[in-house]
Each structure stands twice: as C-alpha cells, then as structure tokens.
C-alpha cells in the first residue's frame, strides 16, 4: 500500500496552499499519496489513517493563526505517534539570516510554545501582494515593511518563495 501524507495547512491569502500544492506534486513524483486538508477540516478528525502528518501555517501580523496552535495541542499525541513535519510561511524569511526554523523569530517562538516537536521543520518566504490586500491590511503591512527594510510601494507584488527549498522539503518529508 502507498504511504499517505496529510498536508494540513492554514492560509490567509492562499500562498501557503500554493506551497502545499507544489509539495503535493513532489510527493506524487516520489510515488506517494498526499491529501491537502485545510486546518478547519483537520480539526474534525480522520487523521489517524495517514502515515505522515505535515502542518503548514502562515504568519499574519507576527503570529500564526490561533487555530493552528489549538489543533497541535489537541492532537499532540497523534502527531508524536508518527513522522511529522512543520513549516512556517512568512515575509521575514525573505532575509537569509531569518529563513531557517532556528533563526526565524516566528517559527522559534511558535514551536517553543507547543508540546509537539516535529521531526522536520522549515521556514519559507512568502508572497507580498499589496494590491490584493484590504486597505487596512495594506497599510499595516506597509508599516511592517518600512520597519523591516522591505518594499513599501502599494503596487508591489513579489513572490519571495524559494521553490527549490520547498521541493527539497517535500523530498525530505518523503524520507521521514
């Protein structure tokens, strides 16, 4: 029987889902089966049938969505019982000194607060897409970018994701 991998994700603007879709393609190329599961559906259950569990979560305003931490706490025993992985998607990871789980302040803080220790973790740079944001979000993100030395032009759209890094992570998941 083919190994099955659950790619559980939380996304605000859809980029974490896009990353999961790329991972799913890589996993299929390795001869394994994966299923994309939004965090809201994963909370309902049914994950015990999967051999490997992967959780991907984006950052908005310095925090992962609350339901991701709640899901992990509620399923810590299940997550510990099988190979598991975690990845964070955030714009701070566009900087080379903040694109690893050990160097990214959001991933470090989040994982420290949890009872779960994934076997594999990664941090991916996200996508900056000012035109798609609501006015308040655009304003807040521009301020954050100003403070962190990023682009502030409200017309800016930049995908910072290193897709080779995503593919390498997917390959590593297949080897768990």
Protein backbone atom coordinates (compact mmCIF):
# COMPACT_ATOMS: atom_id res chain seq x y z
CA UNK A 1 0.00 0.00 0.00
CA UNK A 2 1.22 3.52 -0.82
CA UNK A 3 2.28 5.73 2.06
CA UNK A 4 -0.18 8.54 2.69
CA UNK A 5 0.76 12.03 3.77
CA UNK A 6 -1.63 14.66 5.13
CA UNK A 7 -0.68 18.23 4.18
CA UNK A 8 -2.62 20.25 6.74
CA UNK A 9 -2.50 23.98 6.15
CA UNK A 10 -3.63 27.37 7.36
CA UNK A 11 -3.56 30.24 4.88
CA UNK A 12 -4.76 33.84 4.76
CA UNK A 13 -4.12 34.84 1.15
CA UNK A 14 -3.64 31.40 -0.42
CA UNK A 15 0.15 31.26 -0.63
CA UNK A 16 0.56 28.52 1.98
CA UNK A 17 -1.90 26.43 -0.04
CA UNK A 18 0.18 27.11 -3.18
CA UNK A 19 3.26 25.84 -1.33
CA UNK A 20 1.35 22.71 -0.25
CA UNK A 21 0.28 22.13 -3.85
CA UNK A 22 3.91 22.25 -5.01
CA UNK A 23 4.84 19.83 -2.23
CA UNK A 24 1.98 17.55 -3.28
CA UNK A 25 3.37 17.43 -6.82
CA UNK A 26 6.81 16.44 -5.49
CA UNK A 27 5.34 13.82 -3.20
CA UNK A 28 3.38 12.29 -6.10
CA UNK A 29 6.57 12.21 -8.19
CA UNK A 30 8.15 10.18 -5.37
CA UNK A 31 5.33 7.64 -5.67
CA UNK A 32 3.50 8.61 -2.51
CA UNK A 33 -0.04 9.80 -1.95
CA UNK A 34 -0.89 13.09 -0.24
CA UNK A 35 -4.06 14.95 0.61
CA UNK A 36 -4.46 18.70 1.13
CA UNK A 37 -6.50 19.43 4.25
CA UNK A 38 -7.45 22.93 5.45
CA UNK A 39 -6.87 23.25 9.21
CA UNK A 40 -10.62 23.69 9.84
CA UNK A 41 -11.32 20.28 8.28
CA UNK A 42 -8.38 18.64 10.05
CA UNK A 43 -9.81 19.68 13.38
CA UNK A 44 -12.78 17.39 12.73
CA UNK A 45 -10.58 14.30 12.81
CA UNK A 46 -9.84 11.43 10.45
CA UNK A 47 -6.06 11.88 10.53
CA UNK A 48 -5.25 8.52 12.13
CA UNK A 49 -5.28 6.86 8.68
CA UNK A 50 -2.30 8.94 7.48
CA UNK A 51 1.26 7.68 7.83
CA UNK A 52 2.82 11.16 7.94
CA UNK A 53 1.38 14.48 9.09
CA UNK A 54 2.64 17.85 7.83
CA UNK A 55 1.39 21.18 9.13
CA UNK A 56 1.96 24.41 7.23
CA UNK A 57 0.99 27.79 8.63
CA UNK A 58 1.42 31.38 7.55
CA UNK A 59 2.20 34.41 9.65
CA UNK A 60 -0.01 37.47 9.77
CA UNK A 61 0.99 40.40 11.97
CA UNK A 62 3.66 38.38 13.73
CA UNK A 63 1.56 35.34 14.68
CA UNK A 64 0.41 32.02 13.30
CA UNK A 65 -3.38 31.62 13.32
CA UNK A 66 -4.69 30.60 16.73
CA UNK A 67 -6.42 27.53 15.33
CA UNK A 68 -3.05 26.05 14.29
CA UNK A 69 -1.74 26.05 17.85
CA UNK A 70 -5.08 24.76 19.12
CA UNK A 71 -5.01 21.94 16.57
CA UNK A 72 -1.46 20.96 17.51
CA UNK A 73 -2.22 20.97 21.24
CA UNK A 74 -5.38 18.90 20.73
CA UNK A 75 -3.54 16.39 18.54
CA UNK A 76 -0.10 16.32 20.18
CA UNK A 77 -0.32 12.61 20.94
CA UNK A 78 -1.29 11.73 17.35
CA UNK A 79 1.45 13.99 15.96
CA UNK A 80 4.04 12.36 18.23
CA UNK A 81 2.94 8.86 17.20
CA UNK A 82 4.12 9.13 13.59
CA UNK A 83 6.52 11.03 11.37
CA UNK A 84 5.52 14.68 11.29
CA UNK A 85 6.75 17.99 9.95
CA UNK A 86 6.00 21.69 10.26
CA UNK A 87 6.64 24.68 8.05
CA UNK A 88 6.02 28.38 8.54
CA UNK A 89 5.45 30.88 5.73
CA UNK A 90 6.35 34.49 6.42
CA UNK A 91 7.86 37.55 4.81
CA UNK A 92 10.65 37.87 7.38
CA UNK A 93 12.07 34.67 5.85
CA UNK A 94 12.94 36.72 2.74
CA UNK A 95 16.09 37.61 4.68
CA UNK A 96 18.80 34.96 4.50
CA UNK A 97 19.53 35.24 8.23
CA UNK A 98 15.88 34.50 9.12
CA UNK A 99 14.91 31.70 6.75
CA UNK A 100 15.58 28.67 8.97
CA UNK A 101 13.49 27.36 11.90
CA UNK A 102 16.38 28.15 14.28
CA UNK A 103 16.80 31.73 13.03
CA UNK A 104 13.23 32.75 12.26
CA UNK A 105 11.73 34.50 15.30
CA UNK A 106 8.15 33.48 14.50
CA UNK A 107 8.89 29.79 13.97
CA UNK A 108 11.15 29.63 17.03
CA UNK A 109 8.58 31.27 19.31
CA UNK A 110 5.70 29.19 17.95
CA UNK A 111 7.46 25.84 18.26
CA UNK A 112 8.73 26.65 21.77
CA UNK A 113 5.13 27.13 22.94
CA UNK A 114 3.97 23.70 21.76
CA UNK A 115 4.04 20.23 23.31
CA UNK A 116 4.97 18.79 19.87
CA UNK A 117 8.42 18.51 18.33
CA UNK A 118 8.19 17.81 14.60
CA UNK A 119 10.90 15.59 13.14
CA UNK A 120 11.34 18.07 10.32
CA UNK A 121 10.77 21.83 10.20
CA UNK A 122 11.23 24.55 7.61
CA UNK A 123 10.57 28.23 7.03
CA UNK A 124 9.63 29.58 3.62
CA UNK A 125 9.50 33.16 2.47
CA UNK A 126 6.00 34.15 1.43
CA UNK A 127 4.47 36.47 -1.11
CA UNK A 128 4.00 40.21 -0.77
CA UNK A 129 0.92 41.28 -2.75
CA UNK A 130 -0.19 44.76 -1.75
CA UNK A 131 -2.90 45.11 -4.45
CA UNK A 132 -4.75 42.04 -3.15
CA UNK A 133 -4.83 43.19 0.50
CA UNK A 134 -7.72 45.02 2.10
CA UNK A 135 -6.89 48.71 2.75
CA UNK A 136 -6.20 48.27 6.48
CA UNK A 137 -4.01 45.19 5.87
CA UNK A 138 -2.12 47.03 3.12
CA UNK A 139 -1.45 49.94 5.47
CA UNK A 140 -0.29 47.74 8.37
CA UNK A 141 1.91 45.55 6.17
CA UNK A 142 3.49 48.65 4.59
CA UNK A 143 4.41 49.90 8.08
CA UNK A 144 5.89 46.50 8.95
CA UNK A 145 7.87 46.52 5.70
CA UNK A 146 9.09 50.04 6.37
CA UNK A 147 10.36 48.96 9.79
CA UNK A 148 11.98 45.78 8.41
CA UNK A 149 13.51 47.35 5.31
CA UNK A 150 11.12 45.82 2.78
CA UNK A 151 9.28 47.34 -0.18
CA UNK A 152 6.53 49.81 0.65
CA UNK A 153 5.18 50.76 -2.80
CA UNK A 154 1.46 49.80 -2.61
CA UNK A 155 1.64 48.37 -6.15
CA UNK A 156 4.34 45.86 -5.23
CA UNK A 157 3.82 42.15 -5.85
CA UNK A 158 6.83 39.95 -5.06
CA UNK A 159 6.92 36.22 -4.55
CA UNK A 160 9.92 35.57 -2.31
CA UNK A 161 9.41 31.81 -2.06
CA UNK A 162 12.43 29.66 -2.91
CA UNK A 163 10.64 26.86 -4.76
CA UNK A 164 13.74 24.66 -4.77
CA UNK A 165 13.71 24.84 -0.95
CA UNK A 166 10.04 23.80 -0.97
CA UNK A 167 10.82 20.86 -3.26
CA UNK A 168 13.75 19.78 -1.08
CA UNK A 169 11.49 19.89 1.98
CA UNK A 170 8.90 17.74 0.19
CA UNK A 171 11.64 15.24 -0.69
CA UNK A 172 12.74 15.17 2.96
CA UNK A 173 9.14 14.53 4.03
CA UNK A 174 9.07 11.50 1.73
CA UNK A 175 12.15 10.14 3.54
CA UNK A 176 10.70 10.53 7.06
